[in-house]
PDB file of N, CA and C in Angstrom:
ATOM      1  N   UNK A   1     -40.064  36.065-136.931  1.00  0.00           N
ATOM      2  CA  UNK A   1     -39.771  34.816-137.224  1.00  0.00           C
ATOM      3  C   UNK A   1     -38.389  34.220-136.867  1.00  0.00           C
ATOM      4  N   UNK A   2     -37.592  34.938-136.767  1.00  0.00           N
ATOM      5  CA  UNK A   2     -36.089  34.827-136.334  1.00  0.00           C
ATOM      6  C   UNK A   2     -36.086  34.296-134.714  1.00  0.00           C
ATOM      7  N   UNK A   3     -36.970  34.911-133.890  1.00  0.00           N
ATOM      8  CA  UNK A   3     -36.779  34.010-132.754  1.00  0.00           C
ATOM      9  C   UNK A   3     -37.559  32.941-132.519  1.00  0.00           C
ATOM     10  N   UNK A   4     -38.793  32.698-133.468  1.00  0.00           N
ATOM     11  CA  UNK A   4     -39.286  31.663-133.355  1.00  0.00           C
ATOM     12  C   UNK A   4     -38.247  30.459-133.739  1.00  0.00           C
ATOM     13  N   UNK A   5     -37.649  30.580-134.756  1.00  0.00           N
ATOM     14  CA  UNK A   5     -37.163  29.513-135.423  1.00  0.00           C
ATOM     15  C   UNK A   5     -35.778  29.118-134.447  1.00  0.00           C
ATOM     16  N   UNK A   6     -35.571  30.065-133.660  1.00  0.00           N
ATOM     17  CA  UNK A   6     -34.219  30.256-132.953  1.00  0.00           C
ATOM     18  C   UNK A   6     -34.876  29.187-131.601  1.00  0.00           C
ATOM     19  N   UNK A   7     -35.914  29.908-131.126  1.00  0.00           N
ATOM     20  CA  UNK A   7     -36.375  29.209-129.699  1.00  0.00           C
ATOM     21  C   UNK A   7     -37.111  27.736-130.137  1.00  0.00           C
ATOM     22  N   UNK A   8     -37.981  27.634-131.020  1.00  0.00           N
ATOM     23  CA  UNK A   8     -38.870  26.553-131.068  1.00  0.00           C
ATOM     24  C   UNK A   8     -38.123  25.261-132.176  1.00  0.00           C
ATOM     25  N   UNK A   9     -37.531  26.077-133.037  1.00  0.00           N
ATOM     26  CA  UNK A   9     -37.190  24.840-134.148  1.00  0.00           C
ATOM     27  C   UNK A   9     -35.564  24.771-133.902  1.00  0.00           C
ATOM     28  N   UNK A  10     -35.259  24.912-133.011  1.00  0.00           N
ATOM     29  CA  UNK A  10     -33.620  25.192-132.807  1.00  0.00           C
ATOM     30  C   UNK A  10     -32.529  25.461-133.912  1.00  0.00           C
ATOM     31  N   UNK A  11     -32.979  26.276-134.728  1.00  0.00           N
ATOM     32  CA  UNK A  11     -32.066  26.843-136.084  1.00  0.00           C
ATOM     33  C   UNK A  11     -31.587  28.102-135.775  1.00  0.00           C
ATOM     34  N   UNK A  12     -29.926  28.045-135.741  1.00  0.00           N
ATOM     35  CA  UNK A  12     -29.142  28.855-134.993  1.00  0.00           C
ATOM     36  C   UNK A  12     -28.850  29.644-136.183  1.00  0.00           C
ATOM     37  N   UNK A  13     -28.509  31.124-136.061  1.00  0.00           N
ATOM     38  CA  UNK A  13     -27.707  31.891-137.125  1.00  0.00           C
ATOM     39  C   UNK A  13     -26.427  31.105-137.499  1.00  0.00           C
ATOM     40  N   UNK A  14     -25.673  31.306-138.701  1.00  0.00           N
ATOM     41  CA  UNK A  14     -24.591  30.680-138.810  1.00  0.00           C
ATOM     42  C   UNK A  14     -23.741  32.059-139.558  1.00  0.00           C
ATOM     43  N   UNK A  15     -24.128  33.193-139.149  1.00  0.00           N
ATOM     44  CA  UNK A  15     -23.012  34.242-139.214  1.00  0.00           C
ATOM     45  C   UNK A  15     -23.451  35.340-138.606  1.00  0.00           C
ATOM     46  N   UNK A  16     -22.469  36.199-138.649  1.00  0.00           N
ATOM     47  CA  UNK A  16     -22.722  37.743-137.982  1.00  0.00           C
ATOM     48  C   UNK A  16     -23.765  38.192-138.182  1.00  0.00           C
ATOM     49  N   UNK A  17     -24.555  38.683-139.560  1.00  0.00           N
ATOM     50  CA  UNK A  17     -25.500  38.815-139.884  1.00  0.00           C
ATOM     51  C   UNK A  17     -26.919  38.378-139.443  1.00  0.00           C
ATOM     52  N   UNK A  18     -26.884  37.021-139.229  1.00  0.00           N
ATOM     53  CA  UNK A  18     -28.089  36.330-138.685  1.00  0.00           C
ATOM     54  C   UNK A  18     -27.965  36.384-137.141  1.00  0.00           C
ATOM     55  N   UNK A  19     -26.897  36.499-136.570  1.00  0.00           N
ATOM     56  CA  UNK A  19     -26.830  36.923-135.078  1.00  0.00           C
ATOM     57  C   UNK A  19     -27.385  38.078-135.058  1.00  0.00           C
ATOM     58  N   UNK A  20     -27.023  39.195-135.722  1.00  0.00           N
ATOM     59  CA  UNK A  20     -27.599  40.559-135.831  1.00  0.00           C
ATOM     60  C   UNK A  20     -28.987  40.594-135.579  1.00  0.00           C
ATOM     61  N   UNK A  21     -29.856  39.965-136.752  1.00  0.00           N
ATOM     62  CA  UNK A  21     -31.124  39.495-137.221  1.00  0.00           C
ATOM     63  C   UNK A  21     -31.831  39.180-135.898  1.00  0.00           C
ATOM     64  N   UNK A  22     -31.213  38.210-135.145  1.00  0.00           N
ATOM     65  CA  UNK A  22     -31.929  37.129-134.147  1.00  0.00           C
ATOM     66  C   UNK A  22     -32.014  38.301-132.801  1.00  0.00           C
ATOM     67  N   UNK A  23     -30.603  38.873-132.590  1.00  0.00           N
ATOM     68  CA  UNK A  23     -30.706  40.205-131.835  1.00  0.00           C
ATOM     69  C   UNK A  23     -31.525  41.024-131.536  1.00  0.00           C
ATOM     70  N   UNK A  24     -31.777  41.647-132.923  1.00  0.00           N
ATOM     71  CA  UNK A  24     -32.797  42.679-133.245  1.00  0.00           C
ATOM     72  C   UNK A  24     -34.257  42.051-132.715  1.00  0.00           C
ATOM     73  N   UNK A  25     -34.647  41.145-133.284  1.00  0.00           N
ATOM     74  CA  UNK A  25     -36.210  40.469-133.395  1.00  0.00           C
ATOM     75  C   UNK A  25     -36.282  40.439-131.766  1.00  0.00           C
ATOM     76  N   UNK A  26     -35.549  39.707-131.062  1.00  0.00           N
ATOM     77  CA  UNK A  26     -35.686  39.222-129.766  1.00  0.00           C
ATOM     78  C   UNK A  26     -35.579  40.711-128.755  1.00  0.00           C
ATOM     79  N   UNK A  27     -34.847  41.866-129.284  1.00  0.00           N
ATOM     80  CA  UNK A  27     -35.041  43.133-128.584  1.00  0.00           C
ATOM     81  C   UNK A  27     -36.111  43.779-129.095  1.00  0.00           C
ATOM     82  N   UNK A  28     -36.716  43.520-130.028  1.00  0.00           N
ATOM     83  CA  UNK A  28     -38.243  44.236-130.515  1.00  0.00           C
ATOM     84  C   UNK A  28     -39.059  43.725-129.542  1.00  0.00           C
ATOM     85  N   UNK A  29     -38.993  42.451-129.710  1.00  0.00           N
ATOM     86  CA  UNK A  29     -40.322  41.479-129.066  1.00  0.00           C
ATOM     87  C   UNK A  29     -40.424  42.073-127.717  1.00  0.00           C
ATOM     88  N   UNK A  30     -38.980  42.093-126.877  1.00  0.00           N
ATOM     89  CA  UNK A  30     -38.822  42.781-125.775  1.00  0.00           C
ATOM     90  C   UNK A  30     -39.530  43.901-125.580  1.00  0.00           C
ATOM     91  N   UNK A  31     -39.216  45.208-126.379  1.00  0.00           N
ATOM     92  CA  UNK A  31     -39.463  46.376-126.192  1.00  0.00           C
ATOM     93  C   UNK A  31     -41.090  46.465-126.235  1.00  0.00           C
ATOM     94  N   UNK A  32     -41.800  45.558-127.030  1.00  0.00           N
ATOM     95  CA  UNK A  32     -43.217  45.444-127.627  1.00  0.00           C
ATOM     96  C   UNK A  32     -43.846  44.873-126.432  1.00  0.00           C
ATOM     97  N   UNK A  33     -43.220  44.327-125.527  1.00  0.00           N
ATOM     98  CA  UNK A  33     -43.920  43.380-124.381  1.00  0.00           C
ATOM     99  C   UNK A  33     -44.367  41.933-125.011  1.00  0.00           C
ATOM    100  N   UNK A  34     -43.839  41.431-125.818  1.00  0.00           N
ATOM    101  CA  UNK A  34     -44.277  40.205-126.724  1.00  0.00           C
ATOM    102  C   UNK A  34     -43.621  39.140-126.261  1.00  0.00           C
ATOM    103  N   UNK A  35     -44.286  38.117-125.585  1.00  0.00           N
ATOM    104  CA  UNK A  35     -43.512  37.010-125.076  1.00  0.00           C
ATOM    105  C   UNK A  35     -43.823  35.839-125.847  1.00  0.00           C
ATOM    106  N   UNK A  36     -42.840  35.587-126.765  1.00  0.00           N
ATOM    107  CA  UNK A  36     -43.194  34.403-128.161  1.00  0.00           C
ATOM    108  C   UNK A  36     -43.645  33.271-127.542  1.00  0.00           C
ATOM    109  N   UNK A  37     -44.496  32.475-128.102  1.00  0.00           N
ATOM    110  CA  UNK A  37     -44.834  31.107-127.604  1.00  0.00           C
ATOM    111  C   UNK A  37     -45.217  30.300-128.924  1.00  0.00           C
ATOM    112  N   UNK A  38     -44.835  29.197-128.640  1.00  0.00           N
ATOM    113  CA  UNK A  38     -44.894  28.086-130.330  1.00  0.00           C
ATOM    114  C   UNK A  38     -46.065  28.188-130.867  1.00  0.00           C
ATOM    115  N   UNK A  39     -47.151  28.286-130.253  1.00  0.00           N
ATOM    116  CA  UNK A  39     -48.341  28.501-131.104  1.00  0.00           C
ATOM    117  C   UNK A  39     -48.581  29.931-132.019  1.00  0.00           C
ATOM    118  N   UNK A  40     -47.583  30.617-131.496  1.00  0.00           N
ATOM    119  CA  UNK A  40     -47.773  32.298-132.303  1.00  0.00           C
ATOM    120  C   UNK A  40     -47.954  32.238-133.332  1.00  0.00           C
ATOM    121  N   UNK A  41     -46.853  31.336-134.059  1.00  0.00           N
ATOM    122  CA  UNK A  41     -46.955  31.291-135.635  1.00  0.00           C
ATOM    123  C   UNK A  41     -47.770  30.064-136.171  1.00  0.00           C
ATOM    124  N   UNK A  42     -48.772  29.796-135.702  1.00  0.00           N
ATOM    125  CA  UNK A  42     -49.805  28.580-136.461  1.00  0.00           C
ATOM    126  C   UNK A  42     -49.897  29.394-137.710  1.00  0.00           C
ATOM    127  N   UNK A  43     -50.623  30.392-137.439  1.00  0.00           N
ATOM    128  CA  UNK A  43     -50.805  30.735-139.083  1.00  0.00           C
ATOM    129  C   UNK A  43     -50.266  30.748-140.017  1.00  0.00           C
ATOM    130  N   UNK A  44     -48.925  31.095-139.607  1.00  0.00           N
ATOM    131  CA  UNK A  44     -47.802  31.323-140.956  1.00  0.00           C
ATOM    132  C   UNK A  44     -47.540  30.102-141.034  1.00  0.00           C
ATOM    133  N   UNK A  45     -47.308  28.945-140.201  1.00  0.00           N
ATOM    134  CA  UNK A  45     -46.993  27.534-140.813  1.00  0.00           C
ATOM    135  C   UNK A  45     -47.956  26.929-141.539  1.00  0.00           C
ATOM    136  N   UNK A  46     -49.438  27.375-141.267  1.00  0.00           N
ATOM    137  CA  UNK A  46     -50.521  26.855-141.827  1.00  0.00           C
ATOM    138  C   UNK A  46     -50.555  27.450-143.376  1.00  0.00           C
ATOM    139  N   UNK A  47     -49.949  28.675-143.519  1.00  0.00           N
ATOM    140  CA  UNK A  47     -49.791  29.309-145.075  1.00  0.00           C
ATOM    141  C   UNK A  47     -48.753  28.477-145.873  1.00  0.00           C
ATOM    142  N   UNK A  48     -47.684  28.453-145.012  1.00  0.00           N
ATOM    143  CA  UNK A  48     -46.459  27.914-145.619  1.00  0.00           C
ATOM    144  C   UNK A  48     -46.877  26.504-146.355  1.00  0.00           C
ATOM    145  N   UNK A  49     -47.456  25.770-145.200  1.00  0.00           N
ATOM    146  CA  UNK A  49     -47.907  24.536-145.422  1.00  0.00           C
ATOM    147  C   UNK A  49     -48.888  24.272-146.807  1.00  0.00           C
ATOM    148  N   UNK A  50     -49.662  25.091-146.788  1.00  0.00           N
ATOM    149  CA  UNK A  50     -50.687  25.579-148.155  1.00  0.00           C
ATOM    150  C   UNK A  50     -49.772  25.589-149.294  1.00  0.00           C
ATOM    151  N   UNK A  51     -49.060  26.788-149.212  1.00  0.00           N
ATOM    152  CA  UNK A  51     -48.234  27.178-150.406  1.00  0.00           C
ATOM    153  C   UNK A  51     -47.220  25.885-150.998  1.00  0.00           C
ATOM    154  N   UNK A  52     -46.898  25.320-150.125  1.00  0.00           N
ATOM    155  CA  UNK A  52     -45.847  24.262-150.320  1.00  0.00           C
ATOM    156  C   UNK A  52     -46.782  23.073-151.224  1.00  0.00           C
ATOM    157  N   UNK A  53     -47.978  22.773-150.658  1.00  0.00           N
ATOM    158  CA  UNK A  53     -49.125  22.074-151.282  1.00  0.00           C
ATOM    159  C   UNK A  53     -49.114  22.303-152.779  1.00  0.00           C
ATOM    160  N   UNK A  54     -49.404  23.628-152.776  1.00  0.00           N
ATOM    161  CA  UNK A  54     -49.944  24.237-154.135  1.00  0.00           C
ATOM    162  C   UNK A  54     -49.002  24.177-155.006  1.00  0.00           C
ATOM    163  N   UNK A  55     -47.583  24.764-154.541  1.00  0.00           N
ATOM    164  CA  UNK A  55     -46.564  23.839-155.330  1.00  0.00           C
ATOM    165  C   UNK A  55     -46.153  23.011-155.987  1.00  0.00           C
ATOM    166  N   UNK A  56     -46.346  21.831-155.107  1.00  0.00           N
ATOM    167  CA  UNK A  56     -46.294  20.465-155.699  1.00  0.00           C
ATOM    168  C   UNK A  56     -47.393  20.160-156.639  1.00  0.00           C
ATOM    169  N   UNK A  57     -48.580  20.721-156.377  1.00  0.00           N
ATOM    170  CA  UNK A  57     -49.658  20.261-157.291  1.00  0.00           C
ATOM    171  C   UNK A  57     -49.487  21.122-158.635  1.00  0.00           C
ATOM    172  N   UNK A  58     -48.994  22.162-158.665  1.00  0.00           N
ATOM    173  CA  UNK A  58     -48.623  22.976-159.765  1.00  0.00           C
ATOM    174  C   UNK A  58     -47.301  21.990-160.461  1.00  0.00           C
ATOM    175  N   UNK A  59     -46.299  21.916-160.089  1.00  0.00           N
ATOM    176  CA  UNK A  59     -45.036  20.995-160.371  1.00  0.00           C
ATOM    177  C   UNK A  59     -45.523  19.870-161.184  1.00  0.00           C
ATOM    178  N   UNK A  60     -46.242  19.168-160.522  1.00  0.00           N
ATOM    179  CA  UNK A  60     -46.635  17.775-161.061  1.00  0.00           C
ATOM    180  C   UNK A  60     -47.518  18.028-162.001  1.00  0.00           C
ATOM    181  N   UNK A  61     -48.520  19.050-162.315  1.00  0.00           N
ATOM    182  CA  UNK A  61     -49.265  19.233-163.538  1.00  0.00           C
ATOM    183  C   UNK A  61     -48.278  19.641-164.457  1.00  0.00           C
ATOM    184  N   UNK A  62     -47.337  20.455-164.342  1.00  0.00           N
ATOM    185  CA  UNK A  62     -46.554  21.107-165.574  1.00  0.00           C
ATOM    186  C   UNK A  62     -45.669  19.783-165.841  1.00  0.00           C
ATOM    187  N   UNK A  63     -45.194  19.135-165.059  1.00  0.00           N
ATOM    188  CA  UNK A  63     -44.311  17.937-165.662  1.00  0.00           C
ATOM    189  C   UNK A  63     -45.097  16.835-166.234  1.00  0.00           C
ATOM    190  N   UNK A  64     -46.802  16.541-165.923  1.00  0.00           N
ATOM    191  CA  UNK A  64     -47.247  15.922-166.874  1.00  0.00           C
ATOM    192  C   UNK A  64     -47.721  16.500-168.049  1.00  0.00           C
ATOM    193  N   UNK A  65     -47.673  17.703-167.969  1.00  0.00           N
ATOM    194  CA  UNK A  65     -48.111  18.490-169.265  1.00  0.00           C
ATOM    195  C   UNK A  65     -47.143  18.339-170.273  1.00  0.00           C
ATOM    196  N   UNK A  66     -46.073  18.571-169.564  1.00  0.00           N
ATOM    197  CA  UNK A  66     -44.680  18.380-170.530  1.00  0.00           C
ATOM    198  C   UNK A  66     -44.435  17.206-171.014  1.00  0.00           C
ATOM    199  N   UNK A  67     -44.836  15.906-170.343  1.00  0.00           N
ATOM    200  CA  UNK A  67     -44.560  14.923-170.912  1.00  0.00           C
ATOM    201  C   UNK A  67     -45.338  14.185-171.631  1.00  0.00           C
ATOM    202  N   UNK A  68     -46.701  14.811-171.723  1.00  0.00           N
ATOM    203  CA  UNK A  68     -47.897  14.523-172.730  1.00  0.00           C
ATOM    204  C   UNK A  68     -47.509  15.377-174.106  1.00  0.00           C
ATOM    205  N   UNK A  69     -46.742  16.323-173.850  1.00  0.00           N
ATOM    206  CA  UNK A  69     -46.750  17.080-174.913  1.00  0.00           C
ATOM    207  C   UNK A  69     -46.329  16.615-176.239  1.00  0.00           C
ATOM    208  N   UNK A  70     -45.384  15.582-176.243  1.00  0.00           N
ATOM    209  CA  UNK A  70     -45.015  14.879-177.462  1.00  0.00           C
ATOM    210  C   UNK A  70     -45.951  14.303-178.163  1.00  0.00           C
ATOM    211  N   UNK A  71     -47.257  13.883-177.385  1.00  0.00           N
ATOM    212  CA  UNK A  71     -48.553  13.218-178.070  1.00  0.00           C
ATOM    213  C   UNK A  71     -48.859  13.756-178.803  1.00  0.00           C
ATOM    214  N   UNK A  72     -48.933  15.341-178.650  1.00  0.00           N
ATOM    215  CA  UNK A  72     -49.724  16.443-179.511  1.00  0.00           C
ATOM    216  C   UNK A  72     -49.276  16.672-180.612  1.00  0.00           C
ATOM    217  N   UNK A  73     -47.672  16.494-180.960  1.00  0.00           N
ATOM    218  CA  UNK A  73     -47.177  16.668-182.060  1.00  0.00           C
ATOM    219  C   UNK A  73     -47.128  15.806-183.110  1.00  0.00           C
TER     220      UNK A  73
END
């Protein structure tokens, strides 16, 4: 994921640990013969999109429940 974010989303590490994580990810992919393509994380992006949508719905429902809670009292 670190290599994908760097190559395709232009997200750069902001500290030494981030640099190390990125270098390690690139080295592991190279050792495994993996050439990362932009579409390689489509599944992960779809999953994140689903999770975000689900969280927004849950938050909205919780807010509605809280705002209607005073009516039951």
